[in-house]
Amino acid sequence: MTLNLCVLTPNRIVWDSEVKEIILSTNSGQIGVLPNHAPIATSVDIGILKIRLLKDQWVTMALMGGFARINNNAITILVNDAEKGSDIDLQEAQQTLEIAEANLNKAEGKRQTIEANLALRRARTRVEAINVIS
C-alpha cells in the first residue's frame, strides 16, 4: 500500500505523488504516517518533512507552517511555503541563516524579537533540509 502525498502552497503544487511513508513536524512534535493511518487534521510547524519514496529513498522538504489532513491514505499538506531540500542552495541558505542570527542579536523590542526568531527558525529549517541524512 502507498500514500498519496500532496504538498500545496498558496502559489503552487510542490509535491503530488505516491509515497511509502512520511515524517511530519507538527506543533506537538513529529508524527510518522504509514498506510492506513487513522484520520487526523493537525497544524504543521516550521520544520522538516521527510518523505520515503516508493524506491525506499528518503527526500526532505522544508515546510514553513500550515495544516495537514490525513484521510484514506491521502495526505494533504497546506503550508505557507515549502522547498525540496534538493532545490535549496546551501551557500544562500547559510548566508540567510547568518543574517537571521545577526538580526536576532540586534533586535529591539518584542515585535522585532518575535519576527527575528521566526526568520531564524525558517532559515535553520532550510539549512537542515539540505543537511538531513536519512
N, C-alpha and C. Protein backbone atom coordinates (compact mmCIF):
# COMPACT_ATOMS: atom_id res chain seq x y z
N MET A 1 0.82 -1.19 0.00
CA MET A 1 0.00 0.00 0.00
C MET A 1 0.86 1.25 0.00
N THR A 2 0.31 2.31 -0.54
CA THR A 2 1.03 3.57 -0.60
C THR A 2 0.13 4.70 -0.10
N LEU A 3 0.75 5.85 0.05
CA LEU A 3 0.05 7.06 0.44
C LEU A 3 0.12 8.05 -0.71
N ASN A 4 -0.94 8.80 -0.93
CA ASN A 4 -0.90 9.87 -1.92
C ASN A 4 -0.60 11.16 -1.17
N LEU A 5 0.58 11.73 -1.41
CA LEU A 5 1.01 12.95 -0.73
C LEU A 5 0.89 14.14 -1.65
N CYS A 6 0.23 15.18 -1.16
CA CYS A 6 0.09 16.43 -1.90
C CYS A 6 0.50 17.57 -0.98
N VAL A 7 1.55 18.32 -1.38
CA VAL A 7 2.01 19.47 -0.62
C VAL A 7 1.72 20.71 -1.45
N LEU A 8 0.92 21.61 -0.86
CA LEU A 8 0.47 22.81 -1.57
C LEU A 8 0.88 24.07 -0.83
N THR A 9 1.26 25.10 -1.60
CA THR A 9 1.45 26.44 -1.07
C THR A 9 0.40 27.32 -1.74
N PRO A 10 0.26 28.57 -1.32
CA PRO A 10 -0.72 29.43 -2.00
C PRO A 10 -0.42 29.62 -3.49
N ASN A 11 0.83 29.43 -3.91
CA ASN A 11 1.22 29.71 -5.29
C ASN A 11 1.42 28.49 -6.18
N ARG A 12 1.62 27.30 -5.57
CA ARG A 12 1.97 26.17 -6.43
C ARG A 12 1.78 24.84 -5.72
N ILE A 13 1.81 23.79 -6.53
CA ILE A 13 1.83 22.42 -6.02
C ILE A 13 3.30 22.02 -5.94
N VAL A 14 3.78 21.74 -4.73
CA VAL A 14 5.19 21.40 -4.55
C VAL A 14 5.42 19.91 -4.74
N TRP A 15 4.45 19.10 -4.34
CA TRP A 15 4.60 17.64 -4.42
C TRP A 15 3.22 17.04 -4.64
N ASP A 16 3.11 16.09 -5.55
CA ASP A 16 1.85 15.37 -5.74
C ASP A 16 2.17 14.01 -6.34
N SER A 17 2.42 13.04 -5.48
CA SER A 17 2.70 11.68 -5.95
C SER A 17 2.57 10.70 -4.80
N GLU A 18 2.69 9.42 -5.13
CA GLU A 18 2.57 8.37 -4.13
C GLU A 18 3.90 8.16 -3.42
N VAL A 19 3.82 7.90 -2.12
CA VAL A 19 5.00 7.66 -1.28
C VAL A 19 4.70 6.49 -0.35
N LYS A 20 5.75 5.98 0.31
CA LYS A 20 5.57 4.88 1.26
C LYS A 20 5.29 5.37 2.68
N GLU A 21 5.91 6.50 3.05
CA GLU A 21 5.85 6.95 4.44
C GLU A 21 6.28 8.41 4.49
N ILE A 22 5.78 9.14 5.51
CA ILE A 22 6.29 10.48 5.77
C ILE A 22 6.52 10.66 7.26
N ILE A 23 7.39 11.59 7.59
CA ILE A 23 7.58 12.03 8.97
C ILE A 23 7.38 13.54 8.92
N LEU A 24 6.40 14.03 9.67
CA LEU A 24 5.93 15.40 9.59
C LEU A 24 6.14 16.12 10.91
N SER A 25 6.63 17.37 10.85
CA SER A 25 6.78 18.19 12.05
C SER A 25 5.48 18.92 12.33
N THR A 26 4.86 18.61 13.47
CA THR A 26 3.64 19.29 13.87
C THR A 26 3.95 20.18 15.07
N ASN A 27 2.98 20.98 15.48
CA ASN A 27 3.20 21.86 16.64
C ASN A 27 3.32 21.08 17.94
N SER A 28 2.93 19.81 17.94
CA SER A 28 3.05 18.99 19.14
C SER A 28 4.14 17.91 19.01
N GLY A 29 4.98 18.02 18.00
CA GLY A 29 6.06 17.06 17.79
C GLY A 29 5.97 16.42 16.43
N GLN A 30 6.86 15.48 16.18
CA GLN A 30 6.88 14.79 14.88
C GLN A 30 5.91 13.62 14.89
N ILE A 31 5.27 13.38 13.74
CA ILE A 31 4.44 12.19 13.60
C ILE A 31 4.87 11.44 12.34
N GLY A 32 4.86 10.14 12.45
CA GLY A 32 5.13 9.29 11.30
C GLY A 32 3.80 8.81 10.74
N VAL A 33 3.71 8.76 9.42
CA VAL A 33 2.46 8.34 8.78
C VAL A 33 2.77 7.22 7.80
N LEU A 34 2.13 6.09 8.02
CA LEU A 34 2.22 4.93 7.15
C LEU A 34 0.83 4.68 6.54
N PRO A 35 0.73 3.81 5.55
CA PRO A 35 -0.60 3.50 5.00
C PRO A 35 -1.57 3.05 6.10
N ASN A 36 -2.85 3.39 5.91
CA ASN A 36 -3.94 3.07 6.83
C ASN A 36 -3.84 3.81 8.16
N HIS A 37 -3.19 4.95 8.16
CA HIS A 37 -3.11 5.79 9.37
C HIS A 37 -4.51 6.28 9.73
N ALA A 38 -4.74 6.46 10.99
CA ALA A 38 -6.03 6.99 11.45
C ALA A 38 -6.23 8.40 10.89
N PRO A 39 -7.45 8.76 10.55
CA PRO A 39 -7.71 10.12 10.06
C PRO A 39 -7.33 11.16 11.11
N ILE A 40 -6.72 12.25 10.64
CA ILE A 40 -6.28 13.29 11.56
C ILE A 40 -6.15 14.60 10.79
N ALA A 41 -6.41 15.68 11.49
CA ALA A 41 -6.11 17.02 10.98
C ALA A 41 -5.20 17.66 12.02
N THR A 42 -4.10 18.27 11.59
CA THR A 42 -3.13 18.81 12.54
C THR A 42 -2.49 20.07 11.98
N SER A 43 -1.97 20.88 12.87
CA SER A 43 -1.20 22.04 12.43
C SER A 43 0.22 21.57 12.11
N VAL A 44 0.83 22.22 11.15
CA VAL A 44 2.20 21.89 10.73
C VAL A 44 3.11 23.00 11.20
N ASP A 45 4.19 22.63 11.86
CA ASP A 45 5.16 23.59 12.37
C ASP A 45 6.19 23.92 11.29
N ILE A 46 6.95 24.97 11.52
CA ILE A 46 8.12 25.22 10.69
C ILE A 46 9.08 24.07 10.97
N GLY A 47 9.42 23.30 9.95
CA GLY A 47 10.27 22.14 10.17
C GLY A 47 10.45 21.31 8.92
N ILE A 48 11.01 20.14 9.11
CA ILE A 48 11.37 19.24 8.02
C ILE A 48 10.28 18.20 7.80
N LEU A 49 9.95 17.99 6.54
CA LEU A 49 9.11 16.87 6.13
C LEU A 49 10.04 15.84 5.50
N LYS A 50 10.04 14.63 6.06
CA LYS A 50 10.83 13.54 5.47
C LYS A 50 9.87 12.65 4.70
N ILE A 51 10.26 12.31 3.48
CA ILE A 51 9.40 11.53 2.59
C ILE A 51 10.16 10.28 2.15
N ARG A 52 9.56 9.11 2.38
CA ARG A 52 10.16 7.86 1.87
C ARG A 52 9.48 7.53 0.56
N LEU A 53 10.27 7.55 -0.49
CA LEU A 53 9.75 7.29 -1.83
C LEU A 53 9.47 5.80 -2.02
N LEU A 54 8.82 5.48 -3.12
CA LEU A 54 8.49 4.08 -3.42
C LEU A 54 9.73 3.22 -3.58
N LYS A 55 10.87 3.85 -3.95
CA LYS A 55 12.14 3.11 -4.11
C LYS A 55 12.94 3.04 -2.82
N ASP A 56 12.29 3.38 -1.69
CA ASP A 56 12.90 3.37 -0.36
C ASP A 56 13.97 4.43 -0.16
N GLN A 57 14.06 5.41 -1.03
CA GLN A 57 14.95 6.54 -0.81
C GLN A 57 14.20 7.60 -0.01
N TRP A 58 14.93 8.36 0.80
CA TRP A 58 14.34 9.43 1.58
C TRP A 58 14.70 10.77 0.96
N VAL A 59 13.74 11.67 0.91
CA VAL A 59 13.98 13.05 0.50
C VAL A 59 13.40 13.96 1.58
N THR A 60 13.88 15.18 1.61
CA THR A 60 13.42 16.13 2.62
C THR A 60 12.80 17.36 1.96
N MET A 61 12.00 18.02 2.75
CA MET A 61 11.38 19.26 2.31
C MET A 61 11.29 20.19 3.52
N ALA A 62 11.60 21.46 3.32
CA ALA A 62 11.45 22.47 4.37
C ALA A 62 10.03 23.02 4.28
N LEU A 63 9.29 22.90 5.38
CA LEU A 63 7.92 23.42 5.43
C LEU A 63 7.87 24.63 6.36
N MET A 64 7.10 25.63 5.96
CA MET A 64 7.05 26.88 6.72
C MET A 64 5.72 27.11 7.43
N GLY A 65 5.18 26.06 8.01
CA GLY A 65 3.98 26.17 8.82
C GLY A 65 2.70 26.11 8.01
N GLY A 66 1.68 25.47 8.58
CA GLY A 66 0.40 25.36 7.90
C GLY A 66 -0.46 24.29 8.55
N PHE A 67 -1.14 23.51 7.72
CA PHE A 67 -2.05 22.47 8.20
C PHE A 67 -1.91 21.21 7.36
N ALA A 68 -2.24 20.07 7.97
CA ALA A 68 -2.21 18.79 7.25
C ALA A 68 -3.48 18.01 7.57
N ARG A 69 -3.94 17.28 6.56
CA ARG A 69 -5.10 16.39 6.74
C ARG A 69 -4.71 15.02 6.21
N ILE A 70 -4.95 14.01 7.01
CA ILE A 70 -4.66 12.63 6.64
C ILE A 70 -5.98 11.87 6.69
N ASN A 71 -6.34 11.24 5.56
CA ASN A 71 -7.60 10.51 5.50
C ASN A 71 -7.57 9.55 4.32
N ASN A 72 -7.91 8.29 4.54
CA ASN A 72 -7.98 7.28 3.48
C ASN A 72 -6.71 7.21 2.63
N ASN A 73 -5.56 7.14 3.28
CA ASN A 73 -4.26 7.04 2.61
C ASN A 73 -3.94 8.24 1.72
N ALA A 74 -4.58 9.36 1.97
CA ALA A 74 -4.28 10.60 1.26
C ALA A 74 -3.84 11.63 2.29
N ILE A 75 -2.71 12.27 2.01
CA ILE A 75 -2.18 13.30 2.89
C ILE A 75 -2.15 14.61 2.11
N THR A 76 -2.86 15.60 2.63
CA THR A 76 -2.84 16.92 2.02
C THR A 76 -2.20 17.87 3.02
N ILE A 77 -1.12 18.52 2.59
CA ILE A 77 -0.41 19.46 3.46
C ILE A 77 -0.49 20.84 2.81
N LEU A 78 -1.12 21.78 3.52
CA LEU A 78 -1.24 23.15 3.06
C LEU A 78 -0.30 24.01 3.89
N VAL A 79 0.70 24.61 3.26
CA VAL A 79 1.70 25.38 4.00
C VAL A 79 1.93 26.75 3.38
N ASN A 80 2.47 27.65 4.19
CA ASN A 80 2.78 29.00 3.71
C ASN A 80 3.84 28.96 2.62
N ASP A 81 4.83 28.09 2.78
CA ASP A 81 5.88 27.92 1.78
C ASP A 81 6.53 26.56 1.99
N ALA A 82 7.11 26.02 0.93
CA ALA A 82 7.78 24.72 1.01
C ALA A 82 8.86 24.67 -0.06
N GLU A 83 9.98 24.04 0.28
CA GLU A 83 11.08 23.85 -0.67
C GLU A 83 11.65 22.46 -0.50
N LYS A 84 11.86 21.78 -1.61
CA LYS A 84 12.54 20.49 -1.55
C LYS A 84 13.99 20.74 -1.14
N GLY A 85 14.52 19.86 -0.29
CA GLY A 85 15.90 20.00 0.15
C GLY A 85 16.87 20.06 -1.01
N SER A 86 16.60 19.30 -2.06
CA SER A 86 17.49 19.26 -3.23
C SER A 86 17.46 20.55 -4.04
N ASP A 87 16.42 21.39 -3.84
CA ASP A 87 16.30 22.65 -4.58
C ASP A 87 16.91 23.84 -3.85
N ILE A 88 17.33 23.64 -2.61
CA ILE A 88 17.85 24.74 -1.80
C ILE A 88 19.35 24.89 -2.04
N ASP A 89 19.78 26.11 -2.32
CA ASP A 89 21.19 26.42 -2.49
C ASP A 89 21.83 26.55 -1.11
N LEU A 90 22.82 25.69 -0.81
CA LEU A 90 23.42 25.64 0.52
C LEU A 90 24.07 26.98 0.90
N GLN A 91 24.83 27.55 0.00
CA GLN A 91 25.52 28.80 0.29
C GLN A 91 24.52 29.93 0.60
N GLU A 92 23.48 30.03 -0.20
CA GLU A 92 22.47 31.06 0.02
C GLU A 92 21.73 30.82 1.33
N ALA A 93 21.42 29.56 1.63
CA ALA A 93 20.72 29.23 2.88
C ALA A 93 21.58 29.57 4.10
N GLN A 94 22.87 29.29 4.02
CA GLN A 94 23.77 29.60 5.14
C GLN A 94 23.91 31.11 5.32
N GLN A 95 23.96 31.86 4.22
CA GLN A 95 24.01 33.33 4.32
C GLN A 95 22.75 33.87 4.98
N THR A 96 21.61 33.33 4.57
CA THR A 96 20.34 33.75 5.16
C THR A 96 20.31 33.45 6.65
N LEU A 97 20.86 32.30 7.05
CA LEU A 97 20.93 31.92 8.45
C LEU A 97 21.80 32.90 9.23
N GLU A 98 22.95 33.26 8.69
CA GLU A 98 23.85 34.21 9.36
C GLU A 98 23.18 35.58 9.51
N ILE A 99 22.47 36.03 8.49
CA ILE A 99 21.76 37.30 8.55
C ILE A 99 20.66 37.24 9.61
N ALA A 100 19.94 36.12 9.65
CA ALA A 100 18.86 35.97 10.64
C ALA A 100 19.41 35.98 12.06
N GLU A 101 20.56 35.33 12.27
CA GLU A 101 21.19 35.33 13.60
C GLU A 101 21.61 36.75 13.99
N ALA A 102 22.20 37.49 13.04
CA ALA A 102 22.61 38.87 13.31
C ALA A 102 21.40 39.75 13.61
N ASN A 103 20.32 39.57 12.86
CA ASN A 103 19.11 40.36 13.10
C ASN A 103 18.50 40.08 14.47
N LEU A 104 18.59 38.83 14.92
CA LEU A 104 18.08 38.49 16.24
C LEU A 104 18.91 39.18 17.32
N ASN A 105 20.23 39.18 17.12
CA ASN A 105 21.12 39.80 18.12
C ASN A 105 20.89 41.31 18.24
N LYS A 106 20.50 41.95 17.16
CA LYS A 106 20.30 43.40 17.22
C LYS A 106 18.82 43.80 17.31
N ALA A 107 17.93 42.83 17.50
CA ALA A 107 16.50 43.13 17.62
C ALA A 107 16.22 43.92 18.89
N GLU A 108 15.37 44.91 18.75
CA GLU A 108 14.97 45.72 19.89
C GLU A 108 13.45 45.65 20.01
N GLY A 109 12.99 45.36 21.19
CA GLY A 109 11.56 45.29 21.41
C GLY A 109 10.99 43.92 21.12
N LYS A 110 9.77 43.70 21.61
CA LYS A 110 9.12 42.40 21.48
C LYS A 110 8.85 42.02 20.03
N ARG A 111 8.29 42.94 19.27
CA ARG A 111 7.90 42.63 17.89
C ARG A 111 9.12 42.25 17.05
N GLN A 112 10.18 43.03 17.11
CA GLN A 112 11.38 42.72 16.33
C GLN A 112 11.98 41.38 16.76
N THR A 113 11.94 41.10 18.05
CA THR A 113 12.49 39.84 18.55
C THR A 113 11.68 38.65 18.04
N ILE A 114 10.35 38.79 18.07
CA ILE A 114 9.48 37.70 17.58
C ILE A 114 9.70 37.48 16.09
N GLU A 115 9.73 38.55 15.31
CA GLU A 115 9.95 38.43 13.86
C GLU A 115 11.33 37.85 13.56
N ALA A 116 12.34 38.27 14.31
CA ALA A 116 13.70 37.75 14.10
C ALA A 116 13.78 36.27 14.45
N ASN A 117 13.08 35.86 15.52
CA ASN A 117 13.06 34.45 15.90
C ASN A 117 12.41 33.59 14.82
N LEU A 118 11.30 34.07 14.25
CA LEU A 118 10.64 33.33 13.17
C LEU A 118 11.54 33.22 11.94
N ALA A 119 12.19 34.32 11.59
CA ALA A 119 13.11 34.30 10.45
C ALA A 119 14.25 33.33 10.70
N LEU A 120 14.75 33.28 11.93
CA LEU A 120 15.83 32.35 12.28
C LEU A 120 15.35 30.90 12.18
N ARG A 121 14.14 30.60 12.66
CA ARG A 121 13.60 29.24 12.55
C ARG A 121 13.46 28.81 11.09
N ARG A 122 12.96 29.72 10.25
CA ARG A 122 12.81 29.41 8.83
C ARG A 122 14.18 29.16 8.20
N ALA A 123 15.16 30.00 8.51
CA ALA A 123 16.50 29.84 7.94
C ALA A 123 17.14 28.53 8.39
N ARG A 124 17.01 28.20 9.66
CA ARG A 124 17.57 26.94 10.18
C ARG A 124 16.93 25.74 9.50
N THR A 125 15.62 25.81 9.30
CA THR A 125 14.90 24.71 8.67
C THR A 125 15.40 24.48 7.25
N ARG A 126 15.64 25.55 6.50
CA ARG A 126 16.15 25.42 5.13
C ARG A 126 17.53 24.74 5.13
N VAL A 127 18.41 25.14 6.05
CA VAL A 127 19.74 24.52 6.13
C VAL A 127 19.60 23.05 6.54
N GLU A 128 18.75 22.77 7.51
CA GLU A 128 18.55 21.39 7.96
C GLU A 128 18.01 20.51 6.82
N ALA A 129 17.14 21.05 6.00
CA ALA A 129 16.56 20.27 4.89
C ALA A 129 17.64 19.79 3.93
N ILE A 130 18.71 20.56 3.82
CA ILE A 130 19.83 20.17 2.95
C ILE A 130 20.70 19.13 3.65
N ASN A 131 20.91 19.32 4.95
CA ASN A 131 21.89 18.53 5.69
C ASN A 131 21.35 17.24 6.30
N VAL A 132 20.03 17.03 6.25
CA VAL A 132 19.45 15.82 6.85
C VAL A 132 19.94 14.58 6.11
N ILE A 133 20.45 13.63 6.87
CA ILE A 133 20.89 12.35 6.29
C ILE A 133 19.95 11.28 6.82
N SER A 134 19.29 10.60 5.92
CA SER A 134 18.32 9.59 6.34
C SER A 134 18.89 8.20 6.20
